[in-house]
N, C-alpha and C. Protein backbone atom coordinates (compact mmCIF):
# COMPACT_ATOMS: atom_id res chain seq x y z
N UNK A 1 15.45 -23.61 63.19
CA UNK A 1 14.99 -23.45 63.18
C UNK A 1 15.71 -22.30 63.94
N UNK A 2 17.91 -19.93 66.75
CA UNK A 2 18.45 -19.80 67.58
C UNK A 2 19.03 -18.64 68.13
N UNK A 3 16.85 -16.01 69.02
CA UNK A 3 16.82 -15.98 69.22
C UNK A 3 16.32 -16.21 68.86
N UNK A 4 19.66 -11.39 69.62
CA UNK A 4 18.64 -12.26 70.20
C UNK A 4 19.29 -13.57 70.55
N UNK A 5 18.75 -14.28 71.53
CA UNK A 5 19.31 -15.57 71.80
C UNK A 5 19.35 -16.33 70.50
N UNK A 6 20.39 -17.05 70.37
CA UNK A 6 20.72 -17.60 69.07
C UNK A 6 19.67 -18.58 68.58
N UNK A 7 19.10 -18.33 67.44
CA UNK A 7 18.12 -19.21 66.84
C UNK A 7 18.56 -19.59 65.44
N UNK A 8 17.80 -20.52 64.90
CA UNK A 8 18.08 -20.95 63.53
C UNK A 8 18.03 -19.80 62.56
N UNK A 9 16.98 -18.99 62.66
CA UNK A 9 16.83 -17.92 61.69
C UNK A 9 17.85 -16.83 61.90
N UNK A 10 18.40 -16.67 63.11
CA UNK A 10 19.46 -15.73 63.34
C UNK A 10 20.66 -16.10 62.48
N UNK A 11 20.98 -17.39 62.48
CA UNK A 11 22.11 -17.82 61.68
C UNK A 11 21.84 -17.59 60.19
N UNK A 12 20.62 -17.86 59.76
CA UNK A 12 20.27 -17.62 58.37
C UNK A 12 20.44 -16.15 58.02
N UNK A 13 19.97 -15.29 58.91
CA UNK A 13 20.06 -13.87 58.69
C UNK A 13 21.51 -13.44 58.64
N UNK A 14 22.32 -14.00 59.58
CA UNK A 14 23.72 -13.62 59.62
C UNK A 14 24.46 -14.08 58.39
N UNK A 15 24.14 -15.26 57.91
CA UNK A 15 24.84 -15.79 56.76
C UNK A 15 24.52 -15.00 55.51
N UNK A 16 23.35 -14.38 55.45
CA UNK A 16 23.02 -13.56 54.30
C UNK A 16 23.80 -12.27 54.25
N UNK A 17 24.48 -11.93 55.33
CA UNK A 17 25.34 -10.73 55.35
C UNK A 17 26.78 -11.18 55.26
N UNK A 18 27.47 -10.77 54.20
CA UNK A 18 28.84 -11.24 54.00
C UNK A 18 29.78 -10.81 55.09
N UNK A 19 29.43 -9.75 55.77
CA UNK A 19 30.32 -9.26 56.83
C UNK A 19 30.23 -10.12 58.08
N UNK A 20 29.20 -10.93 58.16
CA UNK A 20 28.97 -11.70 59.40
C UNK A 20 29.53 -13.09 59.35
N UNK A 21 30.09 -13.54 58.22
CA UNK A 21 30.52 -14.90 58.08
C UNK A 21 31.97 -14.97 57.71
N UNK A 22 32.75 -15.84 58.41
CA UNK A 22 34.13 -16.10 58.06
C UNK A 22 34.21 -17.58 57.70
N UNK A 23 34.95 -17.96 56.68
CA UNK A 23 35.11 -19.35 56.33
C UNK A 23 36.58 -19.71 56.26
N UNK A 24 36.88 -20.97 56.55
CA UNK A 24 38.25 -21.42 56.54
C UNK A 24 38.69 -21.99 55.19
N UNK A 25 37.70 -22.51 54.41
CA UNK A 25 38.04 -23.01 53.08
C UNK A 25 36.77 -23.17 52.30
N UNK A 26 36.88 -23.12 51.00
CA UNK A 26 35.73 -23.35 50.11
C UNK A 26 36.24 -23.56 48.71
N UNK A 27 35.69 -24.47 47.91
CA UNK A 27 36.20 -24.77 46.62
C UNK A 27 35.64 -23.87 45.50
N UNK A 28 34.62 -23.03 45.81
CA UNK A 28 33.97 -22.30 44.75
C UNK A 28 34.19 -20.82 44.89
N UNK A 29 33.70 -20.05 43.93
CA UNK A 29 33.84 -18.60 43.95
C UNK A 29 33.01 -18.03 45.05
N UNK A 30 33.31 -16.74 45.43
CA UNK A 30 32.66 -16.11 46.57
C UNK A 30 31.13 -16.10 46.43
N UNK A 31 30.64 -15.71 45.28
CA UNK A 31 29.18 -15.66 45.08
C UNK A 31 28.56 -17.01 45.21
N UNK A 32 29.23 -18.05 44.70
CA UNK A 32 28.68 -19.41 44.77
C UNK A 32 28.67 -19.87 46.22
N UNK A 33 29.74 -19.52 46.99
CA UNK A 33 29.80 -19.95 48.38
C UNK A 33 28.66 -19.37 49.17
N UNK A 34 28.40 -18.06 48.97
CA UNK A 34 27.33 -17.39 49.72
C UNK A 34 25.98 -18.00 49.37
N UNK A 35 25.72 -18.24 48.12
CA UNK A 35 24.46 -18.83 47.71
C UNK A 35 24.34 -20.27 48.26
N UNK A 36 25.45 -20.99 48.25
CA UNK A 36 25.43 -22.38 48.72
C UNK A 36 25.12 -22.44 50.20
N UNK A 37 25.74 -21.56 50.98
CA UNK A 37 25.47 -21.59 52.41
C UNK A 37 24.05 -21.27 52.71
N UNK A 38 23.50 -20.25 52.05
CA UNK A 38 22.12 -19.85 52.28
C UNK A 38 21.19 -21.02 51.95
N UNK A 39 21.45 -21.67 50.82
CA UNK A 39 20.53 -22.73 50.41
C UNK A 39 20.72 -23.97 51.29
N UNK A 40 21.96 -24.25 51.71
CA UNK A 40 22.18 -25.40 52.58
C UNK A 40 21.33 -25.25 53.84
N UNK A 41 21.39 -24.08 54.46
CA UNK A 41 20.61 -23.85 55.66
C UNK A 41 19.13 -23.91 55.37
N UNK A 42 18.74 -23.31 54.25
CA UNK A 42 17.31 -23.31 53.86
C UNK A 42 16.78 -24.71 53.70
N UNK A 43 17.55 -25.57 52.97
CA UNK A 43 17.08 -26.92 52.71
C UNK A 43 17.14 -27.80 53.94
N UNK A 44 18.28 -27.74 54.66
CA UNK A 44 18.47 -28.60 55.79
C UNK A 44 17.53 -28.28 56.93
N UNK A 45 17.37 -27.02 57.26
CA UNK A 45 16.58 -26.68 58.42
C UNK A 45 15.09 -26.56 58.10
N UNK A 46 14.75 -25.89 56.99
CA UNK A 46 13.35 -25.63 56.73
C UNK A 46 12.72 -26.67 55.81
N UNK A 47 13.53 -27.44 55.10
CA UNK A 47 12.99 -28.50 54.27
C UNK A 47 12.33 -29.57 55.10
N UNK A 48 12.77 -29.67 56.38
CA UNK A 48 12.18 -30.64 57.26
C UNK A 48 10.88 -30.15 57.88
N UNK A 49 10.47 -28.96 57.56
CA UNK A 49 9.17 -28.49 58.03
C UNK A 49 9.18 -27.61 59.22
N UNK A 50 10.30 -26.96 59.56
CA UNK A 50 10.34 -26.10 60.74
C UNK A 50 9.50 -24.86 60.56
N UNK A 51 9.62 -24.20 59.44
CA UNK A 51 8.88 -22.96 59.25
C UNK A 51 9.12 -22.38 57.89
N UNK A 52 8.72 -21.15 57.69
CA UNK A 52 8.88 -20.47 56.42
C UNK A 52 10.19 -19.68 56.40
N UNK A 53 11.00 -19.89 55.39
CA UNK A 53 12.29 -19.20 55.31
C UNK A 53 12.32 -18.28 54.11
N UNK A 54 13.39 -17.45 54.09
CA UNK A 54 13.56 -16.57 52.93
C UNK A 54 13.85 -17.41 51.70
N UNK A 55 13.50 -16.95 50.49
CA UNK A 55 13.75 -17.72 49.27
C UNK A 55 15.22 -18.01 49.06
N UNK A 56 15.55 -19.12 48.45
CA UNK A 56 16.91 -19.46 48.13
C UNK A 56 16.98 -19.94 46.68
N UNK A 57 18.19 -19.99 46.15
CA UNK A 57 18.36 -20.42 44.76
C UNK A 57 17.98 -21.91 44.61
N UNK A 58 17.64 -22.24 43.37
CA UNK A 58 17.26 -23.63 43.11
C UNK A 58 18.40 -24.55 43.45
N UNK A 59 18.06 -25.73 43.98
CA UNK A 59 19.08 -26.69 44.37
C UNK A 59 19.99 -27.08 43.18
N UNK A 60 19.44 -27.18 41.99
CA UNK A 60 20.25 -27.59 40.85
C UNK A 60 21.33 -26.58 40.49
N UNK A 61 21.20 -25.36 40.98
CA UNK A 61 22.19 -24.33 40.67
C UNK A 61 23.41 -24.38 41.60
N UNK A 62 23.36 -25.24 42.61
CA UNK A 62 24.42 -25.28 43.57
C UNK A 62 25.49 -26.30 43.21
N UNK A 63 26.74 -26.08 43.64
CA UNK A 63 27.80 -27.05 43.34
C UNK A 63 27.48 -28.41 43.95
N UNK A 64 27.88 -29.46 43.28
CA UNK A 64 27.59 -30.83 43.74
C UNK A 64 28.19 -31.07 45.12
N UNK A 65 29.33 -30.45 45.40
CA UNK A 65 30.01 -30.67 46.69
C UNK A 65 29.18 -30.13 47.85
N UNK A 66 28.29 -29.20 47.60
CA UNK A 66 27.44 -28.64 48.65
C UNK A 66 26.10 -29.36 48.67
N UNK A 67 25.58 -29.72 47.50
CA UNK A 67 24.25 -30.36 47.42
C UNK A 67 24.19 -31.63 48.24
N UNK A 68 25.31 -32.35 48.35
CA UNK A 68 25.28 -33.65 49.04
C UNK A 68 25.03 -33.50 50.51
N UNK A 69 25.23 -32.30 51.04
CA UNK A 69 25.03 -32.08 52.47
C UNK A 69 23.63 -31.58 52.83
N UNK A 70 22.79 -31.45 51.85
CA UNK A 70 21.46 -30.91 52.14
C UNK A 70 20.48 -31.91 52.73
N UNK A 71 20.81 -33.18 52.71
CA UNK A 71 19.95 -34.20 53.32
C UNK A 71 20.03 -34.09 54.82
N UNK A 72 18.90 -34.12 55.48
CA UNK A 72 18.87 -33.99 56.94
C UNK A 72 17.68 -34.78 57.48
N UNK A 73 17.89 -35.41 58.64
CA UNK A 73 16.78 -36.15 59.25
C UNK A 73 15.65 -35.21 59.62
N UNK A 74 14.43 -35.67 59.52
CA UNK A 74 13.25 -34.83 59.88
C UNK A 74 13.35 -34.32 61.32
N UNK A 75 12.74 -33.18 61.56
CA UNK A 75 12.77 -32.60 62.92
C UNK A 75 11.72 -33.21 63.84
N UNK A 76 10.97 -34.16 63.36
CA UNK A 76 10.02 -34.82 64.21
C UNK A 76 8.65 -34.18 64.19
N UNK A 77 7.77 -34.72 65.02
CA UNK A 77 6.38 -34.25 65.05
C UNK A 77 6.27 -32.88 65.72
N UNK A 78 5.42 -32.04 65.16
CA UNK A 78 5.20 -30.72 65.72
C UNK A 78 4.41 -30.79 67.01
N UNK A 79 3.74 -31.91 67.25
CA UNK A 79 2.87 -32.07 68.43
C UNK A 79 3.51 -32.93 69.51
N UNK A 80 4.78 -33.25 69.37
CA UNK A 80 5.44 -34.08 70.36
C UNK A 80 5.44 -33.43 71.76
N UNK A 81 5.36 -34.27 72.78
CA UNK A 81 5.42 -33.79 74.16
C UNK A 81 6.84 -33.97 74.69
N UNK A 82 7.38 -32.92 75.28
CA UNK A 82 8.73 -32.98 75.82
C UNK A 82 8.77 -32.88 77.33
N UNK A 83 9.75 -33.56 77.94
CA UNK A 83 9.95 -33.44 79.37
C UNK A 83 8.90 -34.10 80.21
N UNK A 84 8.90 -33.73 81.51
CA UNK A 84 7.98 -34.32 82.44
C UNK A 84 6.74 -33.44 82.61
N UNK A 85 6.14 -33.50 83.80
CA UNK A 85 4.93 -32.72 84.05
C UNK A 85 5.23 -31.23 83.98
N UNK A 86 4.33 -30.50 83.36
CA UNK A 86 4.51 -29.04 83.21
C UNK A 86 4.42 -28.38 84.59
N UNK A 87 5.18 -27.31 84.74
CA UNK A 87 5.20 -26.55 85.99
C UNK A 87 4.05 -25.53 86.01
N UNK A 88 2.90 -26.02 86.33
CA UNK A 88 1.70 -25.19 86.29
C UNK A 88 1.73 -24.20 87.46
N UNK A 89 1.37 -22.95 87.15
CA UNK A 89 1.30 -21.91 88.19
C UNK A 89 0.11 -21.01 87.83
N UNK A 90 -1.01 -21.18 88.50
CA UNK A 90 -2.23 -20.49 88.16
C UNK A 90 -2.10 -18.97 88.43
N UNK A 91 -2.95 -18.22 87.79
CA UNK A 91 -2.88 -16.76 87.82
C UNK A 91 -2.86 -16.18 89.20
N UNK A 92 -3.61 -16.76 90.15
CA UNK A 92 -3.70 -16.20 91.50
C UNK A 92 -2.37 -16.25 92.25
N UNK A 93 -1.48 -17.15 91.85
CA UNK A 93 -0.17 -17.23 92.52
C UNK A 93 0.97 -16.93 91.54
N UNK A 94 0.62 -16.38 90.38
CA UNK A 94 1.65 -16.10 89.38
C UNK A 94 2.74 -15.17 89.88
N UNK A 95 2.43 -14.14 90.70
CA UNK A 95 3.51 -13.27 91.18
C UNK A 95 4.60 -14.01 91.94
N UNK A 96 4.22 -15.12 92.58
CA UNK A 96 5.19 -15.92 93.31
C UNK A 96 6.02 -16.79 92.37
N UNK A 97 5.45 -17.13 91.21
CA UNK A 97 6.10 -18.05 90.29
C UNK A 97 7.05 -17.35 89.30
N UNK A 98 6.72 -16.12 88.96
CA UNK A 98 7.50 -15.45 87.92
C UNK A 98 8.99 -15.33 88.24
N UNK A 99 9.40 -14.99 89.47
CA UNK A 99 10.81 -14.92 89.78
C UNK A 99 11.52 -16.25 89.57
N UNK A 100 10.90 -17.35 89.93
CA UNK A 100 11.48 -18.67 89.71
C UNK A 100 11.61 -18.98 88.23
N UNK A 101 10.58 -18.60 87.47
CA UNK A 101 10.61 -18.81 86.03
C UNK A 101 11.73 -17.99 85.38
N UNK A 102 11.89 -16.76 85.84
CA UNK A 102 12.96 -15.91 85.32
C UNK A 102 14.32 -16.48 85.65
N UNK A 103 14.47 -17.04 86.85
CA UNK A 103 15.72 -17.62 87.24
C UNK A 103 16.07 -18.85 86.39
N UNK A 104 15.05 -19.64 86.10
CA UNK A 104 15.26 -20.81 85.24
C UNK A 104 15.67 -20.40 83.85
N UNK A 105 15.02 -19.40 83.30
CA UNK A 105 15.36 -18.89 81.96
C UNK A 105 16.78 -18.36 81.92
N UNK A 106 17.20 -17.62 82.95
CA UNK A 106 18.55 -17.07 83.02
C UNK A 106 19.59 -18.18 82.98
N UNK A 107 19.36 -19.24 83.73
CA UNK A 107 20.28 -20.39 83.72
C UNK A 107 20.29 -21.09 82.35
N UNK A 108 19.11 -21.34 81.83
CA UNK A 108 19.02 -22.04 80.54
C UNK A 108 19.63 -21.24 79.40
N UNK A 109 19.50 -19.91 79.45
CA UNK A 109 20.05 -19.07 78.40
C UNK A 109 21.57 -19.14 78.34
N UNK A 110 22.21 -19.12 79.50
CA UNK A 110 23.67 -19.08 79.51
C UNK A 110 24.35 -20.45 79.61
N UNK A 111 23.77 -21.34 80.40
CA UNK A 111 24.42 -22.64 80.68
C UNK A 111 23.67 -23.84 80.12
N UNK A 112 22.37 -23.69 79.91
CA UNK A 112 21.55 -24.81 79.50
C UNK A 112 20.95 -25.49 80.72
N UNK A 113 19.85 -26.19 80.52
CA UNK A 113 19.17 -26.85 81.63
C UNK A 113 19.99 -27.95 82.27
N UNK A 114 20.84 -28.62 81.47
CA UNK A 114 21.68 -29.70 81.98
C UNK A 114 23.17 -29.43 81.76
N UNK A 115 23.51 -28.17 81.54
CA UNK A 115 24.91 -27.80 81.40
C UNK A 115 25.53 -28.06 80.04
N UNK A 116 24.71 -28.20 79.00
CA UNK A 116 25.22 -28.46 77.66
C UNK A 116 25.46 -27.20 76.86
N UNK A 117 25.24 -26.05 77.47
CA UNK A 117 25.41 -24.79 76.78
C UNK A 117 24.07 -24.08 76.65
N UNK A 118 24.13 -22.76 76.52
CA UNK A 118 22.91 -21.96 76.43
C UNK A 118 21.93 -22.52 75.41
N UNK A 119 20.65 -22.56 75.76
CA UNK A 119 19.69 -23.26 74.91
C UNK A 119 19.53 -22.67 73.51
N UNK A 120 19.81 -21.35 73.30
CA UNK A 120 19.67 -20.87 71.92
C UNK A 120 20.71 -21.46 70.96
N UNK A 121 21.78 -22.08 71.50
CA UNK A 121 22.78 -22.68 70.61
C UNK A 121 22.91 -24.20 70.85
N UNK A 122 22.19 -24.71 71.84
CA UNK A 122 22.26 -26.15 72.12
C UNK A 122 20.94 -26.85 72.17
N UNK A 123 19.85 -26.10 72.35
CA UNK A 123 18.53 -26.71 72.53
C UNK A 123 18.32 -27.25 73.94
N UNK A 124 19.28 -27.01 74.83
CA UNK A 124 19.22 -27.56 76.21
C UNK A 124 18.37 -26.65 77.09
N UNK A 125 17.07 -26.69 76.88
CA UNK A 125 16.15 -25.87 77.66
C UNK A 125 15.36 -26.75 78.61
N UNK A 126 14.60 -26.12 79.49
CA UNK A 126 13.71 -26.82 80.42
C UNK A 126 12.33 -26.90 79.81
N UNK A 127 11.96 -28.06 79.23
CA UNK A 127 10.67 -28.14 78.52
C UNK A 127 9.47 -27.99 79.40
N UNK A 128 9.64 -28.24 80.72
CA UNK A 128 8.51 -28.18 81.63
C UNK A 128 7.96 -26.76 81.83
N UNK A 129 8.73 -25.72 81.44
CA UNK A 129 8.26 -24.35 81.62
C UNK A 129 7.64 -23.78 80.34
N UNK A 130 7.69 -24.55 79.24
CA UNK A 130 7.11 -24.14 77.97
C UNK A 130 5.88 -24.97 77.65
N UNK A 131 4.94 -24.38 76.96
CA UNK A 131 3.87 -25.15 76.36
C UNK A 131 4.46 -25.95 75.19
N UNK A 132 3.94 -27.15 74.95
CA UNK A 132 4.43 -27.93 73.83
C UNK A 132 4.08 -27.28 72.50
N UNK A 133 3.02 -26.47 72.50
CA UNK A 133 2.65 -25.72 71.28
C UNK A 133 3.09 -24.26 71.36
N UNK A 134 4.16 -24.03 72.12
CA UNK A 134 4.71 -22.68 72.26
C UNK A 134 5.05 -22.12 70.88
N UNK A 135 4.79 -20.84 70.70
CA UNK A 135 5.06 -20.17 69.44
C UNK A 135 6.39 -19.45 69.54
N UNK A 136 7.26 -19.66 68.55
CA UNK A 136 8.58 -19.00 68.51
C UNK A 136 8.60 -18.09 67.28
N UNK A 137 8.75 -16.78 67.57
CA UNK A 137 8.61 -15.78 66.49
C UNK A 137 9.87 -14.91 66.43
N UNK A 138 10.33 -14.68 65.20
CA UNK A 138 11.38 -13.68 64.98
C UNK A 138 11.11 -13.05 63.62
N UNK A 139 11.94 -12.10 63.19
CA UNK A 139 11.63 -11.36 61.95
C UNK A 139 11.52 -12.21 60.68
N UNK A 140 12.05 -13.41 60.68
CA UNK A 140 12.02 -14.23 59.46
C UNK A 140 11.25 -15.52 59.59
N UNK A 141 10.89 -15.95 60.80
CA UNK A 141 10.26 -17.24 61.01
C UNK A 141 9.20 -17.21 62.10
N UNK A 142 8.26 -18.14 62.01
CA UNK A 142 7.18 -18.24 62.95
C UNK A 142 6.80 -19.71 63.01
N UNK A 143 7.16 -20.38 64.11
CA UNK A 143 6.89 -21.80 64.24
C UNK A 143 6.21 -22.08 65.57
N UNK A 144 5.20 -22.92 65.60
CA UNK A 144 4.45 -23.26 66.80
C UNK A 144 4.71 -24.73 67.14
N UNK A 145 5.86 -24.97 67.79
CA UNK A 145 6.24 -26.32 68.15
C UNK A 145 7.50 -26.28 68.99
N UNK A 146 7.42 -26.60 70.26
CA UNK A 146 8.59 -26.66 71.11
C UNK A 146 9.57 -27.74 70.63
N UNK A 147 9.00 -28.89 70.24
CA UNK A 147 9.85 -30.02 69.84
C UNK A 147 10.69 -29.66 68.60
N UNK A 148 10.08 -29.04 67.61
CA UNK A 148 10.81 -28.72 66.40
C UNK A 148 11.81 -27.59 66.64
N UNK A 149 11.45 -26.64 67.46
CA UNK A 149 12.37 -25.57 67.79
C UNK A 149 13.61 -26.11 68.47
N UNK A 150 13.41 -26.98 69.46
CA UNK A 150 14.58 -27.53 70.17
C UNK A 150 15.43 -28.40 69.27
N UNK A 151 14.79 -29.24 68.47
CA UNK A 151 15.53 -30.13 67.59
C UNK A 151 16.38 -29.33 66.60
N UNK A 152 15.82 -28.25 66.06
CA UNK A 152 16.58 -27.43 65.11
C UNK A 152 17.83 -26.87 65.74
N UNK A 153 17.73 -26.43 67.01
CA UNK A 153 18.90 -25.86 67.66
C UNK A 153 19.97 -26.90 67.93
N UNK A 154 19.60 -28.12 68.17
CA UNK A 154 20.60 -29.16 68.39
C UNK A 154 21.38 -29.52 67.13
N UNK A 155 20.74 -29.22 65.96
CA UNK A 155 21.38 -29.56 64.69
C UNK A 155 22.28 -28.45 64.18
N UNK A 156 21.90 -27.21 64.41
CA UNK A 156 22.54 -26.11 63.71
C UNK A 156 23.91 -25.70 64.26
N UNK A 157 24.03 -25.57 65.58
CA UNK A 157 25.22 -24.99 66.17
C UNK A 157 26.10 -26.00 66.85
N UNK A 158 27.42 -25.72 66.89
CA UNK A 158 28.36 -26.52 67.66
C UNK A 158 28.43 -25.90 69.06
N UNK A 159 27.83 -26.53 70.09
CA UNK A 159 27.81 -25.92 71.42
C UNK A 159 29.20 -25.74 72.03
N UNK A 160 30.19 -26.46 71.55
CA UNK A 160 31.55 -26.33 72.07
C UNK A 160 32.22 -25.07 71.56
N UNK A 161 31.71 -24.51 70.47
CA UNK A 161 32.28 -23.30 69.90
C UNK A 161 31.29 -22.16 69.81
N UNK A 162 30.23 -22.27 70.59
CA UNK A 162 29.17 -21.25 70.57
C UNK A 162 28.79 -20.92 72.01
N UNK A 163 28.30 -19.69 72.22
CA UNK A 163 27.92 -19.30 73.59
C UNK A 163 26.89 -18.18 73.55
N UNK A 164 26.20 -18.05 74.65
CA UNK A 164 25.21 -16.99 74.83
C UNK A 164 25.45 -16.36 76.21
N UNK A 165 25.46 -15.04 76.27
CA UNK A 165 25.71 -14.33 77.55
C UNK A 165 24.57 -13.32 77.81
N UNK A 166 24.08 -13.30 79.01
CA UNK A 166 23.06 -12.34 79.39
C UNK A 166 23.70 -10.96 79.48
N UNK A 167 23.09 -9.99 78.82
CA UNK A 167 23.56 -8.62 78.89
C UNK A 167 22.68 -7.83 79.86
N UNK A 168 21.38 -8.11 79.86
CA UNK A 168 20.43 -7.42 80.73
C UNK A 168 19.22 -8.34 81.01
N UNK A 169 18.81 -8.36 82.24
CA UNK A 169 17.65 -9.15 82.62
C UNK A 169 18.01 -10.51 83.17
N UNK A 170 17.02 -11.39 83.26
CA UNK A 170 15.62 -11.24 82.83
C UNK A 170 14.84 -10.22 83.65
N UNK A 171 13.95 -9.49 82.98
CA UNK A 171 13.12 -8.47 83.62
C UNK A 171 11.66 -8.94 83.61
N UNK A 172 11.03 -8.90 84.77
CA UNK A 172 9.64 -9.37 84.90
C UNK A 172 8.69 -8.18 84.77
N UNK A 173 7.68 -8.35 83.97
CA UNK A 173 6.57 -7.37 83.91
C UNK A 173 5.30 -8.13 84.29
N UNK A 174 4.93 -8.02 85.54
CA UNK A 174 3.80 -8.79 86.04
C UNK A 174 2.50 -8.39 85.36
N UNK A 175 2.32 -7.09 85.11
CA UNK A 175 1.09 -6.60 84.51
C UNK A 175 0.89 -7.17 83.11
N UNK A 176 1.97 -7.24 82.34
CA UNK A 176 1.89 -7.74 80.96
C UNK A 176 2.09 -9.26 80.89
N UNK A 177 2.45 -9.88 82.03
CA UNK A 177 2.70 -11.31 82.06
C UNK A 177 3.82 -11.68 81.09
N UNK A 178 4.91 -10.92 81.17
CA UNK A 178 6.06 -11.18 80.33
C UNK A 178 7.38 -11.17 81.10
N UNK A 179 8.38 -11.82 80.52
CA UNK A 179 9.73 -11.76 81.01
C UNK A 179 10.60 -11.41 79.80
N UNK A 180 11.55 -10.50 79.96
CA UNK A 180 12.35 -10.09 78.81
C UNK A 180 13.84 -10.10 79.20
N UNK A 181 14.68 -10.16 78.18
CA UNK A 181 16.14 -10.17 78.41
C UNK A 181 16.86 -9.74 77.14
N UNK A 182 18.04 -9.17 77.32
CA UNK A 182 18.93 -8.88 76.22
C UNK A 182 20.13 -9.79 76.35
N UNK A 183 20.54 -10.45 75.25
CA UNK A 183 21.62 -11.40 75.28
C UNK A 183 22.62 -11.13 74.15
N UNK A 184 23.83 -11.60 74.34
CA UNK A 184 24.87 -11.51 73.28
C UNK A 184 25.26 -12.93 72.90
N UNK A 185 25.30 -13.22 71.62
CA UNK A 185 25.55 -14.57 71.13
C UNK A 185 26.71 -14.60 70.13
N UNK A 186 27.38 -15.73 70.08
CA UNK A 186 28.39 -15.98 69.07
C UNK A 186 28.40 -17.47 68.81
N UNK A 187 28.64 -17.90 67.57
CA UNK A 187 28.53 -19.32 67.33
C UNK A 187 29.23 -19.81 66.08
N UNK A 188 29.44 -21.13 66.02
CA UNK A 188 29.98 -21.81 64.86
C UNK A 188 28.93 -22.80 64.36
N UNK A 189 28.62 -22.74 63.09
CA UNK A 189 27.62 -23.63 62.53
C UNK A 189 28.21 -24.99 62.23
N UNK A 190 27.38 -26.03 62.41
CA UNK A 190 27.84 -27.39 62.18
C UNK A 190 27.71 -27.74 60.70
N UNK A 191 28.46 -27.02 59.87
CA UNK A 191 28.53 -27.24 58.44
C UNK A 191 29.94 -27.60 58.07
N UNK A 192 30.16 -28.25 56.93
CA UNK A 192 31.51 -28.69 56.56
C UNK A 192 32.56 -27.57 56.56
N UNK A 193 32.16 -26.35 56.19
CA UNK A 193 33.14 -25.26 56.13
C UNK A 193 33.23 -24.49 57.43
N UNK A 194 32.51 -24.89 58.48
CA UNK A 194 32.57 -24.35 59.82
C UNK A 194 32.46 -22.82 59.87
N UNK A 195 31.42 -22.26 59.26
CA UNK A 195 31.28 -20.79 59.32
C UNK A 195 31.03 -20.29 60.75
N UNK A 196 31.66 -19.18 61.08
CA UNK A 196 31.54 -18.58 62.38
C UNK A 196 30.66 -17.33 62.30
N UNK A 197 29.66 -17.27 63.17
CA UNK A 197 28.76 -16.12 63.21
C UNK A 197 29.33 -15.12 64.22
N UNK A 198 29.59 -13.90 63.77
CA UNK A 198 30.16 -12.88 64.61
C UNK A 198 29.19 -12.53 65.77
N UNK A 199 29.70 -12.05 66.90
CA UNK A 199 28.84 -11.69 68.04
C UNK A 199 27.75 -10.69 67.67
N UNK A 200 26.55 -10.91 68.20
CA UNK A 200 25.44 -9.97 68.01
C UNK A 200 24.55 -10.00 69.23
N UNK A 201 23.80 -8.94 69.42
CA UNK A 201 22.89 -8.86 70.54
C UNK A 201 21.44 -9.11 70.10
N UNK A 202 20.67 -9.69 70.99
CA UNK A 202 19.29 -10.03 70.72
C UNK A 202 18.41 -9.60 71.88
N UNK A 203 17.15 -9.39 71.58
CA UNK A 203 16.17 -9.05 72.61
C UNK A 203 15.06 -10.07 72.57
N UNK A 204 14.84 -10.72 73.71
CA UNK A 204 13.81 -11.78 73.82
C UNK A 204 12.69 -11.36 74.77
N UNK A 205 11.49 -11.76 74.41
CA UNK A 205 10.34 -11.55 75.28
C UNK A 205 9.58 -12.88 75.37
N UNK A 206 9.40 -13.34 76.60
CA UNK A 206 8.61 -14.57 76.83
C UNK A 206 7.26 -14.19 77.38
N UNK A 207 6.20 -14.65 76.76
CA UNK A 207 4.85 -14.36 77.18
C UNK A 207 4.30 -15.55 77.97
N UNK A 208 3.70 -15.28 79.12
CA UNK A 208 3.25 -16.33 80.03
C UNK A 208 1.73 -16.50 79.96
N UNK A 209 1.27 -17.76 79.87
CA UNK A 209 -0.17 -18.00 79.77
C UNK A 209 -0.80 -18.11 81.14
N UNK A 210 -2.11 -18.45 81.18
CA UNK A 210 -2.85 -18.52 82.42
C UNK A 210 -2.40 -19.62 83.36
N UNK A 211 -1.66 -20.60 82.85
CA UNK A 211 -1.16 -21.69 83.68
C UNK A 211 0.28 -21.45 84.13
N UNK A 212 0.81 -20.29 83.78
CA UNK A 212 2.18 -19.98 84.19
C UNK A 212 3.23 -20.58 83.27
N UNK A 213 2.81 -21.03 82.08
CA UNK A 213 3.74 -21.60 81.12
C UNK A 213 4.06 -20.60 80.02
N UNK A 214 5.22 -20.71 79.41
CA UNK A 214 5.60 -19.82 78.32
C UNK A 214 4.84 -20.25 77.08
N UNK A 215 4.03 -19.34 76.57
CA UNK A 215 3.23 -19.63 75.39
C UNK A 215 3.79 -19.00 74.11
N UNK A 216 4.71 -18.05 74.28
CA UNK A 216 5.32 -17.43 73.08
C UNK A 216 6.70 -16.86 73.45
N UNK A 217 7.63 -17.07 72.55
CA UNK A 217 8.93 -16.46 72.65
C UNK A 217 9.15 -15.58 71.41
N UNK A 218 9.29 -14.30 71.63
CA UNK A 218 9.50 -13.38 70.51
C UNK A 218 10.95 -12.88 70.54
N UNK A 219 11.53 -12.68 69.39
CA UNK A 219 12.95 -12.40 69.29
C UNK A 219 13.26 -11.38 68.20
N UNK A 220 14.08 -10.42 68.54
CA UNK A 220 14.62 -9.48 67.54
C UNK A 220 16.13 -9.43 67.75
N UNK A 221 16.85 -8.98 66.71
CA UNK A 221 18.31 -8.94 66.86
C UNK A 221 18.89 -7.80 66.04
N UNK A 222 20.19 -7.52 66.29
CA UNK A 222 20.81 -6.38 65.63
C UNK A 222 21.62 -6.78 64.40
N UNK A 223 21.29 -7.92 63.78
CA UNK A 223 21.93 -8.36 62.56
C UNK A 223 20.94 -8.19 61.43
N UNK A 224 21.36 -7.56 60.32
CA UNK A 224 20.45 -7.33 59.22
C UNK A 224 20.99 -7.99 57.95
């Protein structure tokens, strides 16, 4: 469904650019490989209901060796509740809470909430600071579900060969109730041919609601 901090759609966007993908082996011609990878990601990630993706070729047009990998377990309920009690911070004390929230995001972006790797490539985020119906938006996808967003990230990238680094921020804008950051990401997809996504930078903006929880994460990146 990974930003921009690495998101599912970032990988999809990167794979659509031949300059952004390196492969170690493949049994088919170049054009078939590119179409196969795009459709594998389309079917595996979005077929489970994460969000709307760019069109892909019909499954029947793909080589049988790739089609067998398109089956994927569902991403779960969009309304699932994650983590413990939410870290509520009402508007009157929000100025005191925003620095702590920014600090938590900085840690989760680079190391993960429990040290499993930056959450854009591992899904290891702190669910207590997000609304369960948090909206995740980027140029190609729009999904309103923390559970599905996190699940997609655990499926797509190999956290042992992927990383996210803070380039700038997090920056707090108290008036707009936002936190923003620029990050640099690099990753290896958990696909049979182990495609590597070249480093790219992303810009993230987290919007905070009246309870001090993240209600929206918006993401743009420098990969076209």
